[in-house]
Amino acid sequence: MARFHSTPDGDIAFTSEEEASRDAEEKAWADGASERATKAAILSLEALETPRRLAESVLSDEGKAWLTANRDKIATERGKL
């Protein structure tokens, strides 16, 4: 499917070089989907470790177990990169 530049004079079709360049950009974006998803998962898990959660982990065995489990999940996600 042809792509176009919108100009005041109307649409102008991409050249073959512009098409190839855009195809490469789209492929690079698609190829990076897994890495972006993994990084989002890491950020989500790291955000769970609030100052309150860290304080709780110091005070109770349950908190320490939660923190250890969460950090194990983070390590698992980082291992995917």
N, C-alpha and C. Protein backbone atom coordinates (compact mmCIF):
# COMPACT_ATOMS: atom_id res chain seq x y z
N MET A 1 0.85 -1.17 0.00
CA MET A 1 0.00 0.00 0.00
C MET A 1 0.90 1.24 0.00
N ALA A 2 0.62 2.12 -0.89
CA ALA A 2 1.45 3.32 -1.02
C ALA A 2 1.21 4.28 0.13
N ARG A 3 2.26 4.97 0.51
CA ARG A 3 2.16 6.01 1.54
C ARG A 3 2.32 7.36 0.86
N PHE A 4 1.79 8.37 1.53
CA PHE A 4 1.81 9.70 0.94
C PHE A 4 2.23 10.74 1.96
N HIS A 5 2.85 11.81 1.46
CA HIS A 5 3.09 13.02 2.24
C HIS A 5 1.91 13.93 1.96
N SER A 6 1.31 14.50 2.99
CA SER A 6 0.24 15.47 2.76
C SER A 6 0.86 16.86 2.65
N THR A 7 0.55 17.54 1.58
CA THR A 7 1.07 18.88 1.35
C THR A 7 -0.10 19.80 0.99
N PRO A 8 0.12 21.10 1.03
CA PRO A 8 -0.96 22.02 0.62
C PRO A 8 -1.41 21.78 -0.82
N ASP A 9 -0.52 21.22 -1.63
CA ASP A 9 -0.85 20.95 -3.04
C ASP A 9 -1.46 19.56 -3.24
N GLY A 10 -1.66 18.84 -2.17
CA GLY A 10 -2.24 17.50 -2.27
C GLY A 10 -1.26 16.44 -1.79
N ASP A 11 -1.67 15.19 -1.90
CA ASP A 11 -0.84 14.08 -1.46
C ASP A 11 0.23 13.76 -2.50
N ILE A 12 1.44 13.51 -2.00
CA ILE A 12 2.56 13.14 -2.87
C ILE A 12 3.05 11.78 -2.40
N ALA A 13 3.12 10.84 -3.31
CA ALA A 13 3.52 9.47 -2.98
C ALA A 13 4.97 9.42 -2.51
N PHE A 14 5.24 8.52 -1.55
CA PHE A 14 6.61 8.28 -1.11
C PHE A 14 7.42 7.74 -2.29
N THR A 15 8.70 8.07 -2.30
CA THR A 15 9.61 7.45 -3.26
C THR A 15 9.90 6.03 -2.78
N SER A 16 10.50 5.23 -3.62
CA SER A 16 10.83 3.85 -3.21
C SER A 16 11.80 3.86 -2.04
N GLU A 17 12.70 4.83 -1.99
CA GLU A 17 13.64 4.93 -0.88
C GLU A 17 12.90 5.28 0.42
N GLU A 18 11.94 6.19 0.33
CA GLU A 18 11.16 6.56 1.52
C GLU A 18 10.31 5.39 1.99
N GLU A 19 9.75 4.63 1.06
CA GLU A 19 8.97 3.44 1.41
C GLU A 19 9.86 2.43 2.14
N ALA A 20 11.04 2.19 1.60
CA ALA A 20 11.97 1.23 2.21
C ALA A 20 12.38 1.69 3.60
N SER A 21 12.64 2.98 3.74
CA SER A 21 13.04 3.53 5.04
C SER A 21 11.91 3.38 6.06
N ARG A 22 10.69 3.68 5.66
CA ARG A 22 9.55 3.57 6.57
C ARG A 22 9.28 2.12 6.92
N ASP A 23 9.42 1.21 5.95
CA ASP A 23 9.26 -0.22 6.22
C ASP A 23 10.28 -0.68 7.27
N ALA A 24 11.51 -0.20 7.16
CA ALA A 24 12.56 -0.56 8.12
C ALA A 24 12.23 -0.02 9.51
N GLU A 25 11.71 1.20 9.57
CA GLU A 25 11.31 1.78 10.86
C GLU A 25 10.20 0.96 11.51
N GLU A 26 9.21 0.58 10.72
CA GLU A 26 8.09 -0.21 11.25
C GLU A 26 8.55 -1.58 11.71
N LYS A 27 9.47 -2.20 10.97
CA LYS A 27 10.00 -3.50 11.36
C LYS A 27 10.78 -3.39 12.66
N ALA A 28 11.60 -2.35 12.78
CA ALA A 28 12.37 -2.16 14.01
C ALA A 28 11.43 -1.97 15.21
N TRP A 29 10.36 -1.22 15.01
CA TRP A 29 9.39 -1.01 16.09
C TRP A 29 8.73 -2.33 16.48
N ALA A 30 8.30 -3.09 15.49
CA ALA A 30 7.65 -4.37 15.76
C ALA A 30 8.61 -5.35 16.43
N ASP A 31 9.86 -5.36 15.97
CA ASP A 31 10.85 -6.26 16.55
C ASP A 31 11.15 -5.92 18.01
N GLY A 32 10.94 -4.68 18.40
CA GLY A 32 11.23 -4.26 19.78
C GLY A 32 10.05 -4.42 20.73
N ALA A 33 8.92 -4.97 20.26
CA ALA A 33 7.72 -5.07 21.09
C ALA A 33 7.96 -5.90 22.35
N SER A 34 8.64 -7.01 22.22
CA SER A 34 8.89 -7.88 23.36
C SER A 34 9.75 -7.18 24.41
N GLU A 35 10.78 -6.49 23.95
CA GLU A 35 11.66 -5.78 24.89
C GLU A 35 10.90 -4.66 25.60
N ARG A 36 10.06 -3.94 24.86
CA ARG A 36 9.27 -2.86 25.48
C ARG A 36 8.31 -3.43 26.52
N ALA A 37 7.69 -4.56 26.22
CA ALA A 37 6.76 -5.19 27.16
C ALA A 37 7.49 -5.65 28.42
N THR A 38 8.68 -6.21 28.24
CA THR A 38 9.46 -6.66 29.39
C THR A 38 9.87 -5.49 30.26
N LYS A 39 10.32 -4.40 29.65
CA LYS A 39 10.71 -3.22 30.41
C LYS A 39 9.51 -2.63 31.15
N ALA A 40 8.33 -2.66 30.54
CA ALA A 40 7.13 -2.16 31.21
C ALA A 40 6.80 -3.03 32.42
N ALA A 41 6.97 -4.34 32.28
CA ALA A 41 6.72 -5.25 33.40
C ALA A 41 7.70 -4.98 34.54
N ILE A 42 8.96 -4.73 34.20
CA ILE A 42 9.96 -4.42 35.23
C ILE A 42 9.58 -3.14 35.97
N LEU A 43 9.22 -2.10 35.24
CA LEU A 43 8.83 -0.84 35.87
C LEU A 43 7.62 -1.03 36.78
N SER A 44 6.67 -1.82 36.33
CA SER A 44 5.48 -2.09 37.13
C SER A 44 5.84 -2.80 38.44
N LEU A 45 6.70 -3.79 38.34
CA LEU A 45 7.12 -4.52 39.54
C LEU A 45 7.94 -3.63 40.47
N GLU A 46 8.83 -2.83 39.91
CA GLU A 46 9.66 -1.95 40.73
C GLU A 46 8.79 -0.90 41.43
N ALA A 47 7.72 -0.46 40.78
CA ALA A 47 6.84 0.55 41.37
C ALA A 47 6.12 0.01 42.60
N LEU A 48 6.01 -1.30 42.72
CA LEU A 48 5.37 -1.89 43.89
C LEU A 48 6.20 -1.70 45.16
N GLU A 49 7.49 -1.49 44.98
CA GLU A 49 8.38 -1.36 46.13
C GLU A 49 8.41 0.08 46.63
N THR A 50 7.31 0.47 47.23
CA THR A 50 7.18 1.81 47.78
C THR A 50 7.94 1.90 49.10
N PRO A 51 8.20 3.10 49.57
CA PRO A 51 8.86 3.23 50.88
C PRO A 51 8.10 2.49 51.99
N ARG A 52 6.77 2.50 51.92
CA ARG A 52 5.99 1.78 52.95
C ARG A 52 6.26 0.29 52.88
N ARG A 53 6.25 -0.28 51.66
CA ARG A 53 6.52 -1.71 51.51
C ARG A 53 7.93 -2.05 52.00
N LEU A 54 8.89 -1.20 51.69
CA LEU A 54 10.25 -1.46 52.15
C LEU A 54 10.33 -1.41 53.67
N ALA A 55 9.62 -0.48 54.29
CA ALA A 55 9.60 -0.40 55.76
C ALA A 55 8.95 -1.64 56.34
N GLU A 56 7.85 -2.09 55.74
CA GLU A 56 7.18 -3.30 56.21
C GLU A 56 8.10 -4.52 56.10
N SER A 57 8.91 -4.54 55.07
CA SER A 57 9.78 -5.70 54.89
C SER A 57 10.82 -5.80 55.99
N VAL A 58 11.17 -4.66 56.55
CA VAL A 58 12.14 -4.65 57.64
C VAL A 58 11.49 -5.12 58.94
N LEU A 59 10.20 -4.87 59.07
CA LEU A 59 9.52 -5.14 60.32
C LEU A 59 8.92 -6.53 60.44
N SER A 60 8.63 -7.20 59.33
CA SER A 60 7.95 -8.50 59.45
C SER A 60 8.55 -9.53 58.50
N ASP A 61 8.39 -10.80 58.89
CA ASP A 61 8.83 -11.89 58.03
C ASP A 61 8.00 -11.95 56.76
N GLU A 62 6.70 -11.63 56.87
CA GLU A 62 5.82 -11.63 55.71
C GLU A 62 6.28 -10.56 54.71
N GLY A 63 6.64 -9.40 55.22
CA GLY A 63 7.13 -8.32 54.36
C GLY A 63 8.43 -8.70 53.68
N LYS A 64 9.31 -9.35 54.42
CA LYS A 64 10.58 -9.79 53.83
C LYS A 64 10.34 -10.83 52.74
N ALA A 65 9.39 -11.72 52.97
CA ALA A 65 9.07 -12.74 51.97
C ALA A 65 8.50 -12.10 50.71
N TRP A 66 7.61 -11.11 50.88
CA TRP A 66 7.03 -10.42 49.74
C TRP A 66 8.12 -9.72 48.93
N LEU A 67 9.01 -9.01 49.62
CA LEU A 67 10.07 -8.28 48.94
C LEU A 67 10.98 -9.23 48.16
N THR A 68 11.33 -10.34 48.77
CA THR A 68 12.17 -11.33 48.09
C THR A 68 11.47 -11.88 46.85
N ALA A 69 10.18 -12.20 46.99
CA ALA A 69 9.42 -12.72 45.85
C ALA A 69 9.33 -11.68 44.73
N ASN A 70 9.09 -10.44 45.08
CA ASN A 70 8.99 -9.39 44.06
C ASN A 70 10.32 -9.18 43.36
N ARG A 71 11.39 -9.19 44.11
CA ARG A 71 12.71 -9.02 43.49
C ARG A 71 13.07 -10.21 42.61
N ASP A 72 12.59 -11.40 42.97
CA ASP A 72 12.79 -12.57 42.10
C ASP A 72 12.04 -12.39 40.79
N LYS A 73 10.81 -11.82 40.85
CA LYS A 73 10.05 -11.55 39.62
C LYS A 73 10.78 -10.54 38.75
N ILE A 74 11.35 -9.51 39.37
CA ILE A 74 12.10 -8.50 38.62
C ILE A 74 13.30 -9.14 37.93
N ALA A 75 14.00 -10.00 38.66
CA ALA A 75 15.17 -10.68 38.07
C ALA A 75 14.75 -11.56 36.90
N THR A 76 13.61 -12.21 37.00
CA THR A 76 13.10 -13.04 35.92
C THR A 76 12.83 -12.20 34.69
N GLU A 77 12.18 -11.05 34.88
CA GLU A 77 11.89 -10.16 33.75
C GLU A 77 13.17 -9.62 33.13
N ARG A 78 14.13 -9.22 33.97
CA ARG A 78 15.40 -8.72 33.44
C ARG A 78 16.13 -9.79 32.64
N GLY A 79 15.96 -11.04 33.04
CA GLY A 79 16.58 -12.14 32.33
C GLY A 79 16.06 -12.31 30.92
N LYS A 80 14.87 -11.75 30.65
CA LYS A 80 14.28 -11.83 29.31
C LYS A 80 14.92 -10.83 28.33
N LEU A 81 15.63 -9.85 28.87
CA LEU A 81 16.24 -8.82 28.00
C LEU A 81 17.52 -9.31 27.36
